């Protein structure tokens, strides 16, 4: 049996417009798509390694096959899981956050990174919650331990869509991934990190890839 999973990005949620778009599209085509909440019960002490451990339970001792849709950080989590579990048959990645740990200095700024390291906490805008929430510095230490920016070696079908105008996650990381996975494809779109203006097109081009009947 083929199952579908949607993994949202950092400081997002299963209730984001993008998540609901794909879950609803899958439902309209008779396919159930599970979208777990990756924020943890306590976002302040979020660790991506813990979320990966929780998600891993879905793939242990299963005879099912999975198609995983991952947005931004969720895309990198999807690849991380696919390295470990062959039951993940394909991944559809939306502006995947390659090299994310190296981008924090640029997005946050060195001054605030130093403050974060010294104080232990930094207020982070949480888009899904509509407010700033303090995030512990252990989050950065966790993703920096080769957990997220790992070298992905598995050769399997991966379809990537990335915005040419993405100022959050450069599409160069997606281009670099193509050199590692010869079965991956990349389409660059006239869009930003959200890809909101391209969702319908992405869906139409992904129906066959996702084997939606």
N, C-alpha and C. Protein backbone atom coordinates (compact mmCIF):
# COMPACT_ATOMS: atom_id res chain seq x y z
N UNK A 1 0.84 -1.20 0.00
CA UNK A 1 0.00 0.00 0.00
C UNK A 1 0.88 1.25 0.00
N UNK A 2 0.50 2.23 -0.84
CA UNK A 2 1.25 3.48 -0.90
C UNK A 2 0.60 4.51 0.03
N UNK A 3 1.41 5.13 0.87
CA UNK A 3 0.93 6.17 1.77
C UNK A 3 1.66 7.48 1.46
N UNK A 4 1.00 8.59 1.81
CA UNK A 4 1.54 9.91 1.52
C UNK A 4 1.75 10.71 2.80
N UNK A 5 2.86 11.44 2.83
CA UNK A 5 3.24 12.20 4.02
C UNK A 5 3.68 13.59 3.59
N UNK A 6 3.19 14.62 4.29
CA UNK A 6 3.61 15.99 4.03
C UNK A 6 4.37 16.51 5.24
N UNK A 7 5.58 17.02 5.03
CA UNK A 7 6.40 17.56 6.11
C UNK A 7 6.59 19.06 5.90
N UNK A 8 6.05 19.86 6.83
CA UNK A 8 6.12 21.32 6.69
C UNK A 8 7.50 21.86 7.07
N UNK A 9 7.68 23.13 6.82
CA UNK A 9 8.96 23.77 7.07
C UNK A 9 9.11 24.31 8.49
N UNK A 10 10.25 24.95 8.73
CA UNK A 10 10.56 25.53 10.03
C UNK A 10 9.60 26.66 10.36
N UNK A 11 9.10 26.67 11.61
CA UNK A 11 8.18 27.71 12.09
C UNK A 11 6.92 27.78 11.23
N UNK A 12 6.54 26.65 10.68
CA UNK A 12 5.30 26.53 9.94
C UNK A 12 4.42 25.51 10.67
N UNK A 13 3.45 24.94 9.98
CA UNK A 13 2.59 23.95 10.63
C UNK A 13 1.77 23.20 9.59
N UNK A 14 1.08 22.14 9.99
CA UNK A 14 0.20 21.42 9.06
C UNK A 14 -0.97 22.27 8.59
N UNK A 15 -1.19 23.42 9.24
CA UNK A 15 -2.28 24.31 8.86
C UNK A 15 -1.83 25.44 7.93
N UNK A 16 -0.60 25.37 7.47
CA UNK A 16 -0.12 26.39 6.53
C UNK A 16 -0.87 26.25 5.21
N UNK A 17 -0.91 27.32 4.44
CA UNK A 17 -1.61 27.30 3.16
C UNK A 17 -1.03 26.22 2.23
N UNK A 18 0.29 26.09 2.24
CA UNK A 18 0.92 25.11 1.36
C UNK A 18 0.59 23.68 1.79
N UNK A 19 0.65 23.43 3.09
CA UNK A 19 0.33 22.10 3.59
C UNK A 19 -1.12 21.74 3.26
N UNK A 20 -2.04 22.66 3.52
CA UNK A 20 -3.45 22.39 3.26
C UNK A 20 -3.70 22.21 1.77
N UNK A 21 -2.97 22.94 0.94
CA UNK A 21 -3.14 22.81 -0.50
C UNK A 21 -2.86 21.38 -0.95
N UNK A 22 -1.73 20.84 -0.53
CA UNK A 22 -1.36 19.49 -0.98
C UNK A 22 -2.20 18.40 -0.32
N UNK A 23 -2.50 18.56 0.95
CA UNK A 23 -3.36 17.58 1.63
C UNK A 23 -4.73 17.54 0.98
N UNK A 24 -5.28 18.70 0.66
CA UNK A 24 -6.60 18.77 0.02
C UNK A 24 -6.57 18.21 -1.40
N UNK A 25 -5.51 18.50 -2.15
CA UNK A 25 -5.40 17.98 -3.50
C UNK A 25 -5.31 16.45 -3.48
N UNK A 26 -4.58 15.91 -2.53
CA UNK A 26 -4.48 14.46 -2.41
C UNK A 26 -5.84 13.88 -2.07
N UNK A 27 -6.55 14.53 -1.18
CA UNK A 27 -7.87 14.06 -0.77
C UNK A 27 -8.85 14.08 -1.94
N UNK A 28 -8.80 15.14 -2.75
CA UNK A 28 -9.68 15.25 -3.92
C UNK A 28 -9.45 14.11 -4.90
N UNK A 29 -8.24 13.55 -4.87
CA UNK A 29 -7.91 12.47 -5.78
C UNK A 29 -7.94 11.10 -5.09
N UNK A 30 -8.61 11.06 -3.93
CA UNK A 30 -8.81 9.80 -3.25
C UNK A 30 -7.61 9.27 -2.50
N UNK A 31 -6.65 10.14 -2.20
CA UNK A 31 -5.45 9.71 -1.49
C UNK A 31 -5.36 10.46 -0.15
N UNK A 32 -5.15 9.73 0.91
CA UNK A 32 -4.99 10.36 2.21
C UNK A 32 -3.54 10.77 2.42
N UNK A 33 -3.33 12.01 2.83
CA UNK A 33 -1.98 12.52 3.07
C UNK A 33 -1.89 12.99 4.52
N UNK A 34 -1.01 12.37 5.28
CA UNK A 34 -0.82 12.69 6.69
C UNK A 34 0.20 13.81 6.82
N UNK A 35 -0.16 14.85 7.57
CA UNK A 35 0.74 15.99 7.78
C UNK A 35 0.98 16.18 9.27
N UNK A 36 2.03 15.60 9.82
CA UNK A 36 2.30 15.73 11.25
C UNK A 36 2.79 17.13 11.62
N UNK A 37 2.61 17.49 12.88
CA UNK A 37 3.10 18.76 13.40
C UNK A 37 4.54 18.58 13.86
N UNK A 38 5.47 19.29 13.24
CA UNK A 38 6.90 19.14 13.55
C UNK A 38 7.40 20.22 14.49
N UNK A 39 6.48 20.94 15.14
CA UNK A 39 6.88 22.02 16.04
C UNK A 39 7.25 21.55 17.44
N UNK A 40 6.95 20.29 17.75
CA UNK A 40 7.13 19.77 19.09
C UNK A 40 6.08 20.40 20.01
N UNK A 41 5.83 19.79 21.13
CA UNK A 41 4.88 20.35 22.08
C UNK A 41 5.43 21.62 22.72
N UNK A 42 6.73 21.78 22.65
CA UNK A 42 7.39 22.95 23.23
C UNK A 42 8.37 23.50 22.20
N UNK A 43 7.91 24.45 21.37
CA UNK A 43 8.74 24.96 20.28
C UNK A 43 10.03 25.57 20.81
N UNK A 44 10.01 26.14 21.98
CA UNK A 44 11.21 26.76 22.55
C UNK A 44 12.37 25.78 22.63
N UNK A 45 12.06 24.52 22.88
CA UNK A 45 13.12 23.52 23.02
C UNK A 45 13.08 22.50 21.88
N UNK A 46 12.67 22.97 20.70
CA UNK A 46 12.59 22.11 19.52
C UNK A 46 13.97 21.58 19.12
N UNK A 47 14.04 20.28 18.88
CA UNK A 47 15.23 19.65 18.33
C UNK A 47 14.80 18.82 17.12
N UNK A 48 15.40 19.09 15.97
CA UNK A 48 15.02 18.37 14.76
C UNK A 48 15.35 16.89 14.88
N UNK A 49 16.42 16.57 15.60
CA UNK A 49 16.78 15.15 15.77
C UNK A 49 15.67 14.39 16.46
N UNK A 50 14.99 15.02 17.41
CA UNK A 50 13.89 14.36 18.11
C UNK A 50 12.70 14.16 17.18
N UNK A 51 12.45 15.13 16.30
CA UNK A 51 11.35 15.00 15.34
C UNK A 51 11.63 13.88 14.35
N UNK A 52 12.88 13.72 13.95
CA UNK A 52 13.25 12.65 13.03
C UNK A 52 13.07 11.29 13.70
N UNK A 53 13.40 11.19 14.98
CA UNK A 53 13.21 9.94 15.71
C UNK A 53 11.73 9.58 15.78
N UNK A 54 10.88 10.58 16.03
CA UNK A 54 9.44 10.34 16.10
C UNK A 54 8.90 9.89 14.74
N UNK A 55 9.32 10.56 13.68
CA UNK A 55 8.86 10.21 12.35
C UNK A 55 9.35 8.83 11.92
N UNK A 56 10.52 8.45 12.40
CA UNK A 56 11.09 7.16 12.02
C UNK A 56 10.18 5.99 12.40
N UNK A 57 9.40 6.17 13.43
CA UNK A 57 8.51 5.09 13.88
C UNK A 57 7.47 4.74 12.80
N UNK A 58 7.17 5.70 11.91
CA UNK A 58 6.22 5.42 10.83
C UNK A 58 6.76 4.39 9.85
N UNK A 59 8.09 4.35 9.72
CA UNK A 59 8.71 3.55 8.67
C UNK A 59 9.32 2.25 9.17
N UNK A 60 9.31 2.04 10.46
CA UNK A 60 9.90 0.84 11.03
C UNK A 60 8.93 -0.34 10.91
N UNK A 61 9.44 -1.45 10.43
CA UNK A 61 8.65 -2.69 10.35
C UNK A 61 7.34 -2.50 9.61
N UNK A 62 7.39 -1.84 8.47
CA UNK A 62 6.20 -1.62 7.66
C UNK A 62 6.36 -2.26 6.30
N UNK A 63 5.26 -2.71 5.73
CA UNK A 63 5.26 -3.25 4.37
C UNK A 63 4.74 -2.20 3.39
N UNK A 64 4.37 -1.02 3.91
CA UNK A 64 3.86 0.05 3.07
C UNK A 64 5.00 0.79 2.39
N UNK A 65 4.66 1.46 1.28
CA UNK A 65 5.59 2.36 0.61
C UNK A 65 5.11 3.79 0.82
N UNK A 66 6.05 4.72 0.88
CA UNK A 66 5.70 6.11 1.17
C UNK A 66 6.18 7.04 0.08
N UNK A 67 5.32 8.01 -0.22
CA UNK A 67 5.68 9.17 -1.02
C UNK A 67 5.71 10.36 -0.05
N UNK A 68 6.83 11.05 0.02
CA UNK A 68 6.96 12.13 1.00
C UNK A 68 7.11 13.47 0.28
N UNK A 69 6.25 14.40 0.66
CA UNK A 69 6.33 15.79 0.17
C UNK A 69 6.94 16.62 1.29
N UNK A 70 8.04 17.29 1.02
CA UNK A 70 8.71 18.06 2.05
C UNK A 70 8.95 19.49 1.63
N UNK A 71 8.56 20.44 2.49
CA UNK A 71 8.74 21.86 2.21
C UNK A 71 9.87 22.44 3.04
N UNK A 72 10.83 23.10 2.39
CA UNK A 72 11.91 23.78 3.07
C UNK A 72 12.67 22.84 4.02
N UNK A 73 12.67 23.09 5.32
CA UNK A 73 13.34 22.20 6.26
C UNK A 73 12.70 20.81 6.23
N UNK A 74 11.39 20.76 5.98
CA UNK A 74 10.73 19.47 5.86
C UNK A 74 11.28 18.64 4.72
N UNK A 75 11.77 19.31 3.68
CA UNK A 75 12.38 18.60 2.56
C UNK A 75 13.68 17.93 2.95
N UNK A 76 14.46 18.59 3.78
CA UNK A 76 15.72 18.01 4.23
C UNK A 76 15.47 16.88 5.22
N UNK A 77 14.46 17.03 6.05
CA UNK A 77 14.07 15.94 6.94
C UNK A 77 13.65 14.72 6.12
N UNK A 78 12.91 14.97 5.03
CA UNK A 78 12.48 13.87 4.16
C UNK A 78 13.67 13.12 3.59
N UNK A 79 14.69 13.83 3.12
CA UNK A 79 15.87 13.18 2.57
C UNK A 79 16.64 12.44 3.65
N UNK A 80 16.69 13.03 4.84
CA UNK A 80 17.36 12.37 5.97
C UNK A 80 16.70 11.02 6.25
N UNK A 81 15.39 10.99 6.27
CA UNK A 81 14.65 9.75 6.52
C UNK A 81 14.81 8.76 5.37
N UNK A 82 14.84 9.28 4.14
CA UNK A 82 14.97 8.41 2.97
C UNK A 82 16.32 7.71 2.93
N UNK A 83 17.33 8.31 3.55
CA UNK A 83 18.64 7.65 3.64
C UNK A 83 18.56 6.38 4.48
N UNK A 84 17.64 6.39 5.44
CA UNK A 84 17.56 5.28 6.40
C UNK A 84 16.50 4.26 6.04
N UNK A 85 15.46 4.71 5.34
CA UNK A 85 14.31 3.84 5.10
C UNK A 85 14.01 3.71 3.62
N UNK A 86 14.23 2.50 3.09
CA UNK A 86 13.99 2.23 1.69
C UNK A 86 12.51 2.25 1.33
N UNK A 87 11.65 2.18 2.34
CA UNK A 87 10.21 2.21 2.08
C UNK A 87 9.74 3.58 1.60
N UNK A 88 10.60 4.59 1.74
CA UNK A 88 10.30 5.90 1.16
C UNK A 88 10.68 5.81 -0.31
N UNK A 89 9.66 5.71 -1.14
CA UNK A 89 9.84 5.42 -2.56
C UNK A 89 10.26 6.64 -3.36
N UNK A 90 9.63 7.78 -3.08
CA UNK A 90 9.92 9.02 -3.80
C UNK A 90 9.77 10.21 -2.87
N UNK A 91 10.43 11.32 -3.23
CA UNK A 91 10.28 12.57 -2.49
C UNK A 91 10.00 13.71 -3.46
N UNK A 92 8.99 14.50 -3.13
CA UNK A 92 8.70 15.75 -3.84
C UNK A 92 9.13 16.87 -2.90
N UNK A 93 10.12 17.65 -3.31
CA UNK A 93 10.70 18.66 -2.43
C UNK A 93 10.39 20.07 -2.93
N UNK A 94 9.91 20.91 -2.03
CA UNK A 94 9.53 22.28 -2.34
C UNK A 94 10.50 23.23 -1.66
N UNK A 95 11.36 23.86 -2.45
CA UNK A 95 12.39 24.77 -1.92
C UNK A 95 13.11 24.15 -0.72
N UNK A 96 13.70 22.97 -0.91
CA UNK A 96 14.36 22.27 0.21
C UNK A 96 15.51 23.09 0.79
N UNK A 97 15.64 23.03 2.11
CA UNK A 97 16.59 23.89 2.82
C UNK A 97 17.99 23.26 2.90
N UNK A 98 18.59 23.05 1.74
CA UNK A 98 19.96 22.56 1.71
C UNK A 98 20.90 23.58 2.35
N UNK A 99 21.90 23.07 3.06
CA UNK A 99 22.91 23.92 3.71
C UNK A 99 22.31 24.90 4.72
N UNK A 100 21.20 24.50 5.34
CA UNK A 100 20.49 25.43 6.23
C UNK A 100 21.32 25.89 7.41
N UNK A 101 22.14 24.99 7.97
CA UNK A 101 22.91 25.40 9.15
C UNK A 101 23.92 26.49 8.81
N UNK A 102 24.34 26.55 7.54
CA UNK A 102 25.30 27.57 7.13
C UNK A 102 24.63 28.90 6.81
N UNK A 103 23.31 28.88 6.75
CA UNK A 103 22.58 30.10 6.38
C UNK A 103 22.11 30.92 7.57
N UNK A 104 22.25 30.38 8.78
CA UNK A 104 21.74 31.09 9.95
C UNK A 104 22.48 32.40 10.19
N UNK A 105 23.81 32.40 9.98
CA UNK A 105 24.57 33.64 10.16
C UNK A 105 24.05 34.75 9.26
N UNK A 106 23.69 34.37 8.04
CA UNK A 106 23.20 35.36 7.08
C UNK A 106 21.80 35.83 7.42
N UNK A 107 20.92 34.90 7.79
CA UNK A 107 19.53 35.26 8.03
C UNK A 107 19.32 35.95 9.38
N UNK A 108 20.08 35.54 10.38
CA UNK A 108 19.93 36.12 11.72
C UNK A 108 20.92 37.27 11.93
N UNK A 109 22.11 37.14 11.35
CA UNK A 109 23.15 38.15 11.55
C UNK A 109 24.12 37.69 12.64
N UNK A 110 25.40 37.96 12.45
CA UNK A 110 26.42 37.49 13.39
C UNK A 110 26.22 38.04 14.80
N UNK A 111 25.79 39.31 14.87
CA UNK A 111 25.59 39.91 16.20
C UNK A 111 24.52 39.15 16.99
N UNK A 112 23.41 38.86 16.33
CA UNK A 112 22.34 38.13 17.02
C UNK A 112 22.72 36.67 17.24
N UNK A 113 23.53 36.10 16.35
CA UNK A 113 23.99 34.72 16.56
C UNK A 113 24.86 34.65 17.81
N UNK A 114 25.71 35.66 17.99
CA UNK A 114 26.55 35.69 19.20
C UNK A 114 25.69 35.86 20.45
N UNK A 115 24.69 36.74 20.35
CA UNK A 115 23.76 36.93 21.48
C UNK A 115 23.03 35.64 21.79
N UNK A 116 22.58 34.96 20.75
CA UNK A 116 21.86 33.70 20.92
C UNK A 116 22.73 32.67 21.63
N UNK A 117 23.98 32.57 21.19
CA UNK A 117 24.90 31.60 21.78
C UNK A 117 25.17 31.90 23.25
N UNK A 118 25.29 33.18 23.58
CA UNK A 118 25.64 33.57 24.94
C UNK A 118 24.45 33.54 25.89
N UNK A 119 23.29 33.98 25.40
CA UNK A 119 22.11 34.05 26.27
C UNK A 119 21.35 32.73 26.34
N UNK A 120 21.48 31.95 25.26
CA UNK A 120 20.79 30.66 25.22
C UNK A 120 19.46 30.70 24.49
N UNK A 121 18.88 31.90 24.32
CA UNK A 121 17.56 32.00 23.68
C UNK A 121 17.54 33.17 22.70
N UNK A 122 16.72 33.03 21.66
CA UNK A 122 16.52 34.13 20.70
C UNK A 122 15.07 34.09 20.24
N UNK A 123 14.45 35.28 20.18
CA UNK A 123 13.07 35.37 19.71
C UNK A 123 13.03 35.12 18.20
N UNK A 124 12.24 34.12 17.82
CA UNK A 124 12.11 33.72 16.41
C UNK A 124 10.68 33.97 15.93
N UNK A 125 10.50 34.61 14.78
CA UNK A 125 9.13 34.78 14.25
C UNK A 125 8.56 33.42 13.85
N UNK A 126 7.45 33.05 14.47
CA UNK A 126 6.79 31.79 14.11
C UNK A 126 5.59 32.14 13.24
N UNK A 127 5.71 31.81 11.96
CA UNK A 127 4.69 32.21 10.99
C UNK A 127 3.34 31.57 11.29
N UNK A 128 3.34 30.32 11.70
CA UNK A 128 2.08 29.62 11.95
C UNK A 128 1.37 30.14 13.19
N UNK A 129 2.14 30.50 14.21
CA UNK A 129 1.56 30.97 15.46
C UNK A 129 1.30 32.48 15.46
N UNK A 130 1.88 33.18 14.48
CA UNK A 130 1.66 34.61 14.36
C UNK A 130 2.29 35.43 15.46
N UNK A 131 3.40 34.97 16.02
CA UNK A 131 4.08 35.71 17.07
C UNK A 131 5.52 35.24 17.19
N UNK A 132 6.31 35.99 17.93
CA UNK A 132 7.69 35.58 18.19
C UNK A 132 7.72 34.61 19.36
N UNK A 133 8.57 33.61 19.23
CA UNK A 133 8.74 32.62 20.30
C UNK A 133 10.22 32.41 20.54
N UNK A 134 10.62 32.37 21.79
CA UNK A 134 12.03 32.15 22.13
C UNK A 134 12.43 30.72 21.75
N UNK A 135 13.55 30.60 21.04
CA UNK A 135 14.07 29.29 20.63
C UNK A 135 15.44 29.09 21.27
N UNK A 136 15.64 27.94 21.90
CA UNK A 136 16.89 27.65 22.59
C UNK A 136 18.02 27.41 21.59
N UNK A 137 19.23 27.81 21.96
CA UNK A 137 20.39 27.66 21.08
C UNK A 137 20.72 26.20 20.78
N UNK A 138 20.22 25.28 21.59
CA UNK A 138 20.46 23.86 21.33
C UNK A 138 19.90 23.45 19.97
N UNK A 139 18.90 24.21 19.48
CA UNK A 139 18.37 23.93 18.14
C UNK A 139 19.48 24.04 17.10
N UNK A 140 20.29 25.10 17.19
CA UNK A 140 21.39 25.31 16.25
C UNK A 140 22.45 24.23 16.42
N UNK A 141 22.80 23.92 17.65
CA UNK A 141 23.80 22.88 17.89
C UNK A 141 23.34 21.54 17.34
N UNK A 142 22.05 21.29 17.43
CA UNK A 142 21.47 20.04 16.96
C UNK A 142 21.58 19.92 15.44
N UNK A 143 21.20 20.96 14.71
CA UNK A 143 21.25 20.87 13.25
C UNK A 143 22.68 20.96 12.73
N UNK A 144 23.59 21.48 13.52
CA UNK A 144 24.98 21.60 13.08
C UNK A 144 25.77 20.30 13.22
N UNK A 145 25.22 19.32 13.85
CA UNK A 145 25.94 18.07 14.08
C UNK A 145 25.75 17.10 12.92
N UNK A 146 25.94 17.60 11.69
CA UNK A 146 25.82 16.80 10.47
C UNK A 146 24.47 16.11 10.36
N UNK A 147 23.49 16.62 11.07
CA UNK A 147 22.16 16.01 11.04
C UNK A 147 21.39 16.47 9.82
N UNK A 148 21.41 17.76 9.54
CA UNK A 148 20.65 18.32 8.44
C UNK A 148 21.51 18.48 7.19
N UNK A 149 22.71 19.02 7.33
CA UNK A 149 23.57 19.24 6.17
C UNK A 149 24.43 18.01 5.89
N UNK A 150 23.83 16.85 6.04
CA UNK A 150 24.55 15.61 5.79
C UNK A 150 24.72 15.39 4.28
N UNK A 151 25.59 14.49 3.93
CA UNK A 151 25.79 14.15 2.52
C UNK A 151 24.80 13.04 2.17
N UNK A 152 23.88 13.35 1.29
CA UNK A 152 22.86 12.39 0.89
C UNK A 152 23.40 11.53 -0.26
N UNK A 153 23.36 10.22 -0.08
CA UNK A 153 23.98 9.33 -1.05
C UNK A 153 22.99 8.43 -1.78
N UNK A 154 21.78 8.34 -1.30
CA UNK A 154 20.82 7.42 -1.92
C UNK A 154 20.40 7.91 -3.31
N UNK A 155 20.40 6.98 -4.24
CA UNK A 155 19.94 7.26 -5.60
C UNK A 155 18.49 6.80 -5.73
N UNK A 156 17.55 7.73 -5.75
CA UNK A 156 16.14 7.38 -5.87
C UNK A 156 15.38 8.58 -6.45
N UNK A 157 14.14 8.38 -6.91
CA UNK A 157 13.42 9.48 -7.56
C UNK A 157 13.09 10.63 -6.62
N UNK A 158 13.61 11.80 -6.96
CA UNK A 158 13.34 13.02 -6.21
C UNK A 158 13.00 14.13 -7.20
N UNK A 159 11.88 14.77 -6.99
CA UNK A 159 11.46 15.89 -7.84
C UNK A 159 11.50 17.17 -7.02
N UNK A 160 12.28 18.16 -7.48
CA UNK A 160 12.48 19.40 -6.72
C UNK A 160 11.92 20.59 -7.50
N UNK A 161 11.21 21.45 -6.78
CA UNK A 161 10.77 22.74 -7.33
C UNK A 161 11.34 23.83 -6.43
N UNK A 162 12.00 24.81 -7.04
CA UNK A 162 12.65 25.86 -6.26
C UNK A 162 12.46 27.20 -6.96
N UNK A 163 12.27 28.25 -6.18
CA UNK A 163 12.05 29.58 -6.74
C UNK A 163 13.34 30.28 -7.13
N UNK A 164 13.34 30.89 -8.29
CA UNK A 164 14.49 31.67 -8.72
C UNK A 164 14.69 32.89 -7.83
N UNK A 165 13.60 33.36 -7.21
CA UNK A 165 13.65 34.56 -6.37
C UNK A 165 13.64 34.21 -4.89
N UNK A 166 14.06 33.01 -4.57
CA UNK A 166 14.07 32.56 -3.17
C UNK A 166 15.22 33.24 -2.42
N UNK A 167 14.88 34.16 -1.52
CA UNK A 167 15.90 34.87 -0.75
C UNK A 167 16.14 34.22 0.61
N UNK A 168 15.40 33.16 0.90
CA UNK A 168 15.56 32.44 2.17
C UNK A 168 16.52 31.27 2.02
N UNK A 169 16.27 30.44 1.02
CA UNK A 169 17.11 29.29 0.73
C UNK A 169 17.53 29.35 -0.73
N UNK A 170 18.78 29.65 -1.02
CA UNK A 170 19.23 29.75 -2.42
C UNK A 170 19.02 28.44 -3.18
N UNK A 171 18.61 28.55 -4.43
CA UNK A 171 18.38 27.35 -5.22
C UNK A 171 19.68 26.64 -5.60
N UNK A 172 20.81 27.26 -5.33
CA UNK A 172 22.10 26.63 -5.64
C UNK A 172 22.27 25.31 -4.91
N UNK A 173 21.69 25.21 -3.71
CA UNK A 173 21.77 23.95 -2.96
C UNK A 173 21.05 22.83 -3.67
N UNK A 174 19.92 23.16 -4.28
CA UNK A 174 19.17 22.16 -5.04
C UNK A 174 19.95 21.75 -6.28
N UNK A 175 20.61 22.70 -6.90
CA UNK A 175 21.43 22.37 -8.07
C UNK A 175 22.58 21.45 -7.69
N UNK A 176 23.19 21.70 -6.54
CA UNK A 176 24.29 20.86 -6.08
C UNK A 176 23.82 19.44 -5.79
N UNK A 177 22.59 19.31 -5.28
CA UNK A 177 22.06 17.99 -4.97
C UNK A 177 21.90 17.14 -6.23
N UNK A 178 21.58 17.76 -7.36
CA UNK A 178 21.43 17.02 -8.60
C UNK A 178 22.70 16.27 -8.98
N UNK A 179 23.84 16.83 -8.61
CA UNK A 179 25.11 16.17 -8.92
C UNK A 179 25.32 14.92 -8.07
N UNK A 180 24.64 14.88 -6.93
CA UNK A 180 24.77 13.74 -6.02
C UNK A 180 23.77 12.64 -6.34
N UNK A 181 22.57 13.01 -6.76
CA UNK A 181 21.51 12.04 -7.05
C UNK A 181 21.14 12.14 -8.53
N UNK A 182 21.59 11.18 -9.31
CA UNK A 182 21.36 11.21 -10.76
C UNK A 182 19.90 10.95 -11.12
N UNK A 183 19.08 10.54 -10.14
CA UNK A 183 17.67 10.28 -10.41
C UNK A 183 16.78 11.45 -9.96
N UNK A 184 17.41 12.54 -9.58
CA UNK A 184 16.67 13.73 -9.15
C UNK A 184 16.48 14.69 -10.31
N UNK A 185 15.39 15.45 -10.25
CA UNK A 185 15.14 16.49 -11.25
C UNK A 185 14.86 17.80 -10.51
N UNK A 186 15.12 18.91 -11.20
CA UNK A 186 14.91 20.23 -10.60
C UNK A 186 14.23 21.14 -11.62
N UNK A 187 13.18 21.81 -11.16
CA UNK A 187 12.55 22.84 -11.99
C UNK A 187 12.59 24.16 -11.23
N UNK A 188 13.22 25.17 -11.84
CA UNK A 188 13.31 26.49 -11.24
C UNK A 188 12.14 27.34 -11.72
N UNK A 189 11.49 27.99 -10.78
CA UNK A 189 10.27 28.72 -11.06
C UNK A 189 10.43 30.21 -10.76
N UNK A 190 9.62 31.01 -11.40
CA UNK A 190 9.62 32.44 -11.14
C UNK A 190 8.80 32.69 -9.87
N UNK A 191 9.40 32.36 -8.74
CA UNK A 191 8.69 32.42 -7.46
C UNK A 191 9.68 32.68 -6.34
N UNK A 192 9.13 32.95 -5.15
CA UNK A 192 9.97 33.14 -3.97
C UNK A 192 9.97 31.85 -3.15
N UNK A 193 10.39 31.94 -1.90
CA UNK A 193 10.52 30.73 -1.08
C UNK A 193 9.18 30.05 -0.84
N UNK A 194 8.12 30.81 -0.79
CA UNK A 194 6.81 30.24 -0.49
C UNK A 194 6.26 29.40 -1.65
N UNK A 195 6.65 29.73 -2.87
CA UNK A 195 6.15 29.06 -4.08
C UNK A 195 4.64 29.18 -4.22
N UNK A 196 4.04 30.13 -3.51
CA UNK A 196 2.59 30.23 -3.49
C UNK A 196 2.00 30.47 -4.89
N UNK A 197 2.69 31.23 -5.71
CA UNK A 197 2.15 31.55 -7.03
C UNK A 197 2.33 30.40 -8.03
N UNK A 198 2.94 29.30 -7.58
CA UNK A 198 3.22 28.19 -8.50
C UNK A 198 2.62 26.86 -8.04
N UNK A 199 1.84 26.88 -6.97
CA UNK A 199 1.37 25.62 -6.39
C UNK A 199 0.52 24.80 -7.36
N UNK A 200 -0.38 25.44 -8.08
CA UNK A 200 -1.22 24.69 -9.01
C UNK A 200 -0.39 24.04 -10.12
N UNK A 201 0.58 24.76 -10.63
CA UNK A 201 1.45 24.21 -11.65
C UNK A 201 2.27 23.05 -11.10
N UNK A 202 2.79 23.22 -9.88
CA UNK A 202 3.57 22.15 -9.26
C UNK A 202 2.72 20.90 -9.11
N UNK A 203 1.48 21.10 -8.67
CA UNK A 203 0.59 19.95 -8.50
C UNK A 203 0.35 19.22 -9.82
N UNK A 204 0.04 19.98 -10.86
CA UNK A 204 -0.23 19.38 -12.16
C UNK A 204 0.97 18.60 -12.68
N UNK A 205 2.17 19.12 -12.45
CA UNK A 205 3.38 18.46 -12.93
C UNK A 205 3.81 17.30 -12.02
N UNK A 206 3.18 17.19 -10.84
CA UNK A 206 3.60 16.17 -9.89
C UNK A 206 2.63 15.00 -9.77
N UNK A 207 1.47 15.09 -10.41
CA UNK A 207 0.47 14.04 -10.29
C UNK A 207 1.02 12.69 -10.74
N UNK A 208 1.67 12.68 -11.89
CA UNK A 208 2.23 11.43 -12.39
C UNK A 208 3.38 10.95 -11.51
N UNK A 209 4.23 11.87 -11.09
CA UNK A 209 5.37 11.51 -10.24
C UNK A 209 4.89 10.87 -8.94
N UNK A 210 3.85 11.43 -8.35
CA UNK A 210 3.33 10.93 -7.08
C UNK A 210 2.43 9.71 -7.26
N UNK A 211 2.22 9.33 -8.50
CA UNK A 211 1.40 8.15 -8.81
C UNK A 211 -0.02 8.28 -8.25
N UNK A 212 -0.54 9.50 -8.35
CA UNK A 212 -1.91 9.74 -7.90
C UNK A 212 -2.85 9.22 -8.97
N UNK A 213 -3.73 8.36 -8.59
CA UNK A 213 -4.64 7.71 -9.57
C UNK A 213 -5.86 8.62 -9.83
